[in-house]
Structures are given as structure tokens and as C-alpha cells.
Amino acid sequence: MNQSLPDPKRRPVPLIFLPFVAVWKFLAILTALTGRLIAGSIGLGLLIIGIILSFTFIGAVIGIPLILLGLLLVSRALF
């Protein structure tokens, strides 16, 4: 019996984590296309715009996701 073990690098992603994986892969593609410095500055810009928009209640609906996207983009550019 020759049973091959599953490759630990290629595990199926649980359905609940697919949005997070998709955002992370999108940020990886964006970082690869633009470079780390530009990706970091875009992330910092999104972070600042998100913080400014979050000062109002209605703007928080758009501001909080922009803050999260900016943080992810900056972390992707740094690491």
C-alpha cells in the first residue's frame, strides 16, 4: 500500500477564511506589482483617509474597512 501523505503546504482553506485569504492574496499581488515602498505609502494613505473618515458616524462605515486595508497593506509591505 502506497499512500501518499498530504502536502502540508497545500491544505484546503476552510470556507469561513476564504475572504481573508482572498484579501491577503490581492495585497500580495498589489505589492508584487507596485513594490514595497509604493505599497507601504498607499497603505499609509488609506490608513490616514480611514482615520479621517471614522470621525463621523456615517464615514465610519467606509473608514474602518479602509483602516484595516491600510494596515494589511502596510504589514504586507513590511514583512
N, C-alpha and C. Protein backbone atom coordinates (compact mmCIF):
# COMPACT_ATOMS: atom_id res chain seq x y z
N MET A 1 0.83 -1.17 0.00
CA MET A 1 0.00 0.00 0.00
C MET A 1 0.88 1.24 0.00
N ASN A 2 0.72 2.01 -1.04
CA ASN A 2 1.49 3.24 -1.17
C ASN A 2 0.55 4.43 -1.03
N GLN A 3 0.38 4.86 0.20
CA GLN A 3 -0.47 6.02 0.44
C GLN A 3 0.41 7.24 0.61
N SER A 4 0.15 8.24 -0.18
CA SER A 4 0.95 9.46 -0.06
C SER A 4 0.33 10.37 1.00
N LEU A 5 1.20 10.99 1.73
CA LEU A 5 0.75 11.92 2.75
C LEU A 5 0.36 13.24 2.11
N PRO A 6 -0.61 13.94 2.68
CA PRO A 6 -0.97 15.25 2.11
C PRO A 6 0.17 16.24 2.29
N ASP A 7 0.34 17.08 1.32
CA ASP A 7 1.38 18.10 1.38
C ASP A 7 0.97 19.17 2.40
N PRO A 8 1.78 19.40 3.43
CA PRO A 8 1.36 20.38 4.45
C PRO A 8 1.31 21.80 3.91
N LYS A 9 1.96 22.05 2.80
CA LYS A 9 1.93 23.40 2.23
C LYS A 9 0.65 23.66 1.44
N ARG A 10 -0.03 22.64 0.98
CA ARG A 10 -1.24 22.79 0.17
C ARG A 10 -2.44 22.22 0.90
N ARG A 11 -2.85 22.90 1.96
CA ARG A 11 -4.04 22.48 2.68
C ARG A 11 -5.24 23.26 2.17
N PRO A 12 -6.38 22.61 2.11
CA PRO A 12 -7.56 23.38 1.70
C PRO A 12 -7.93 24.38 2.78
N VAL A 13 -8.34 25.55 2.34
CA VAL A 13 -8.70 26.63 3.26
C VAL A 13 -10.17 26.45 3.65
N PRO A 14 -10.47 26.51 4.95
CA PRO A 14 -11.87 26.44 5.35
C PRO A 14 -12.67 27.60 4.74
N LEU A 15 -13.89 27.34 4.46
CA LEU A 15 -14.76 28.29 3.77
C LEU A 15 -14.87 29.62 4.51
N ILE A 16 -14.84 29.59 5.82
CA ILE A 16 -15.00 30.82 6.59
C ILE A 16 -13.80 31.75 6.45
N PHE A 17 -12.63 31.21 6.10
CA PHE A 17 -11.42 32.03 5.98
C PHE A 17 -11.15 32.49 4.55
N LEU A 18 -11.97 32.10 3.60
CA LEU A 18 -11.73 32.47 2.20
C LEU A 18 -11.69 33.98 1.95
N PRO A 19 -12.55 34.79 2.56
CA PRO A 19 -12.43 36.23 2.33
C PRO A 19 -11.09 36.81 2.79
N PHE A 20 -10.59 36.32 3.92
CA PHE A 20 -9.32 36.81 4.42
C PHE A 20 -8.16 36.38 3.51
N VAL A 21 -8.23 35.15 3.05
CA VAL A 21 -7.20 34.64 2.14
C VAL A 21 -7.23 35.41 0.83
N ALA A 22 -8.43 35.72 0.34
CA ALA A 22 -8.56 36.46 -0.91
C ALA A 22 -7.99 37.87 -0.78
N VAL A 23 -8.26 38.54 0.34
CA VAL A 23 -7.72 39.89 0.55
C VAL A 23 -6.21 39.83 0.66
N TRP A 24 -5.68 38.84 1.37
CA TRP A 24 -4.23 38.73 1.54
C TRP A 24 -3.54 38.45 0.21
N LYS A 25 -4.15 37.59 -0.63
CA LYS A 25 -3.56 37.31 -1.95
C LYS A 25 -3.63 38.54 -2.85
N PHE A 26 -4.73 39.30 -2.75
CA PHE A 26 -4.84 40.54 -3.52
C PHE A 26 -3.75 41.52 -3.10
N LEU A 27 -3.50 41.64 -1.81
CA LEU A 27 -2.46 42.54 -1.33
C LEU A 27 -1.07 42.05 -1.75
N ALA A 28 -0.89 40.74 -1.81
CA ALA A 28 0.39 40.20 -2.27
C ALA A 28 0.62 40.53 -3.74
N ILE A 29 -0.42 40.42 -4.55
CA ILE A 29 -0.31 40.76 -5.97
C ILE A 29 -0.04 42.26 -6.13
N LEU A 30 -0.76 43.08 -5.37
CA LEU A 30 -0.56 44.53 -5.43
C LEU A 30 0.85 44.91 -5.01
N THR A 31 1.35 44.27 -3.96
CA THR A 31 2.72 44.54 -3.51
C THR A 31 3.74 44.11 -4.54
N ALA A 32 3.51 42.97 -5.18
CA ALA A 32 4.45 42.49 -6.20
C ALA A 32 4.45 43.41 -7.41
N LEU A 33 3.30 43.95 -7.76
CA LEU A 33 3.23 44.82 -8.93
C LEU A 33 3.81 46.20 -8.66
N THR A 34 3.56 46.74 -7.51
CA THR A 34 3.96 48.13 -7.25
C THR A 34 5.29 48.25 -6.52
N GLY A 35 5.67 47.25 -5.80
CA GLY A 35 6.88 47.35 -5.00
C GLY A 35 6.54 47.69 -3.56
N ARG A 36 7.47 47.41 -2.71
CA ARG A 36 7.21 47.57 -1.27
C ARG A 36 7.04 49.03 -0.86
N LEU A 37 7.83 49.91 -1.40
CA LEU A 37 7.76 51.31 -0.97
C LEU A 37 6.43 51.95 -1.37
N ILE A 38 6.02 51.72 -2.60
CA ILE A 38 4.75 52.30 -3.06
C ILE A 38 3.58 51.64 -2.35
N ALA A 39 3.65 50.33 -2.15
CA ALA A 39 2.57 49.64 -1.44
C ALA A 39 2.46 50.14 -0.01
N GLY A 40 3.60 50.38 0.64
CA GLY A 40 3.56 50.92 2.00
C GLY A 40 3.00 52.31 2.06
N SER A 41 3.34 53.15 1.07
CA SER A 41 2.80 54.52 1.08
C SER A 41 1.32 54.53 0.72
N ILE A 42 0.88 53.65 -0.17
CA ILE A 42 -0.56 53.54 -0.45
C ILE A 42 -1.30 53.08 0.80
N GLY A 43 -0.73 52.10 1.52
CA GLY A 43 -1.34 51.62 2.75
C GLY A 43 -1.41 52.69 3.81
N LEU A 44 -0.35 53.48 3.92
CA LEU A 44 -0.35 54.58 4.89
C LEU A 44 -1.39 55.64 4.52
N GLY A 45 -1.52 55.91 3.22
CA GLY A 45 -2.54 56.86 2.77
C GLY A 45 -3.95 56.36 3.05
N LEU A 46 -4.20 55.08 2.79
CA LEU A 46 -5.52 54.51 3.10
C LEU A 46 -5.78 54.54 4.60
N LEU A 47 -4.75 54.31 5.37
CA LEU A 47 -4.88 54.34 6.82
C LEU A 47 -5.27 55.73 7.31
N ILE A 48 -4.62 56.75 6.80
CA ILE A 48 -4.92 58.14 7.20
C ILE A 48 -6.32 58.54 6.74
N ILE A 49 -6.68 58.20 5.50
CA ILE A 49 -8.03 58.53 5.00
C ILE A 49 -9.09 57.81 5.82
N GLY A 50 -8.82 56.55 6.18
CA GLY A 50 -9.77 55.80 7.00
C GLY A 50 -9.95 56.40 8.37
N ILE A 51 -8.86 56.89 8.97
CA ILE A 51 -8.96 57.52 10.29
C ILE A 51 -9.76 58.82 10.20
N ILE A 52 -9.51 59.61 9.16
CA ILE A 52 -10.25 60.86 8.99
C ILE A 52 -11.74 60.59 8.77
N LEU A 53 -12.06 59.58 7.95
CA LEU A 53 -13.46 59.27 7.71
C LEU A 53 -14.15 58.70 8.94
N SER A 54 -13.40 58.07 9.82
CA SER A 54 -14.01 57.46 11.01
C SER A 54 -14.43 58.46 12.06
N PHE A 55 -14.08 59.74 11.89
CA PHE A 55 -14.51 60.74 12.85
C PHE A 55 -16.01 60.98 12.80
N THR A 56 -16.64 60.69 11.67
CA THR A 56 -18.09 60.82 11.58
C THR A 56 -18.71 59.43 11.63
N PHE A 57 -19.95 59.36 12.07
CA PHE A 57 -20.61 58.06 12.20
C PHE A 57 -20.85 57.42 10.84
N ILE A 58 -21.30 58.20 9.89
CA ILE A 58 -21.58 57.67 8.56
C ILE A 58 -20.28 57.29 7.84
N GLY A 59 -19.24 58.09 8.04
CA GLY A 59 -17.96 57.80 7.42
C GLY A 59 -17.27 56.58 8.00
N ALA A 60 -17.66 56.17 9.21
CA ALA A 60 -17.05 55.01 9.85
C ALA A 60 -17.36 53.73 9.09
N VAL A 61 -18.49 53.72 8.38
CA VAL A 61 -18.84 52.54 7.59
C VAL A 61 -17.79 52.30 6.50
N ILE A 62 -17.26 53.35 5.95
CA ILE A 62 -16.22 53.23 4.93
C ILE A 62 -14.84 53.35 5.55
N GLY A 63 -14.72 54.11 6.61
CA GLY A 63 -13.42 54.38 7.22
C GLY A 63 -12.78 53.18 7.88
N ILE A 64 -13.55 52.38 8.59
CA ILE A 64 -13.00 51.22 9.30
C ILE A 64 -12.44 50.18 8.32
N PRO A 65 -13.17 49.83 7.24
CA PRO A 65 -12.54 48.91 6.27
C PRO A 65 -11.30 49.50 5.61
N LEU A 66 -11.28 50.83 5.39
CA LEU A 66 -10.08 51.44 4.82
C LEU A 66 -8.91 51.37 5.79
N ILE A 67 -9.17 51.53 7.07
CA ILE A 67 -8.12 51.40 8.08
C ILE A 67 -7.56 49.98 8.06
N LEU A 68 -8.45 49.00 8.03
CA LEU A 68 -8.00 47.61 8.02
C LEU A 68 -7.22 47.29 6.75
N LEU A 69 -7.70 47.77 5.61
CA LEU A 69 -6.99 47.53 4.35
C LEU A 69 -5.63 48.22 4.36
N GLY A 70 -5.57 49.43 4.91
CA GLY A 70 -4.29 50.13 5.02
C GLY A 70 -3.31 49.41 5.93
N LEU A 71 -3.80 48.90 7.06
CA LEU A 71 -2.94 48.15 7.97
C LEU A 71 -2.42 46.88 7.31
N LEU A 72 -3.29 46.18 6.60
CA LEU A 72 -2.85 44.96 5.92
C LEU A 72 -1.82 45.27 4.84
N LEU A 73 -2.03 46.35 4.12
CA LEU A 73 -1.11 46.71 3.05
C LEU A 73 0.25 47.13 3.62
N VAL A 74 0.24 47.87 4.71
CA VAL A 74 1.50 48.26 5.34
C VAL A 74 2.22 47.04 5.91
N SER A 75 1.47 46.13 6.55
CA SER A 75 2.11 44.93 7.08
C SER A 75 2.63 44.04 5.97
N ARG A 76 1.93 44.00 4.84
CA ARG A 76 2.41 43.22 3.70
C ARG A 76 3.67 43.85 3.10
N ALA A 77 3.74 45.16 3.12
CA ALA A 77 4.93 45.83 2.59
C ALA A 77 6.13 45.66 3.52
N LEU A 78 5.89 45.58 4.82
CA LEU A 78 7.00 45.45 5.77
C LEU A 78 7.52 44.03 5.87
N PHE A 79 6.63 43.04 5.79
CA PHE A 79 7.04 41.65 6.00
C PHE A 79 7.00 40.87 4.75
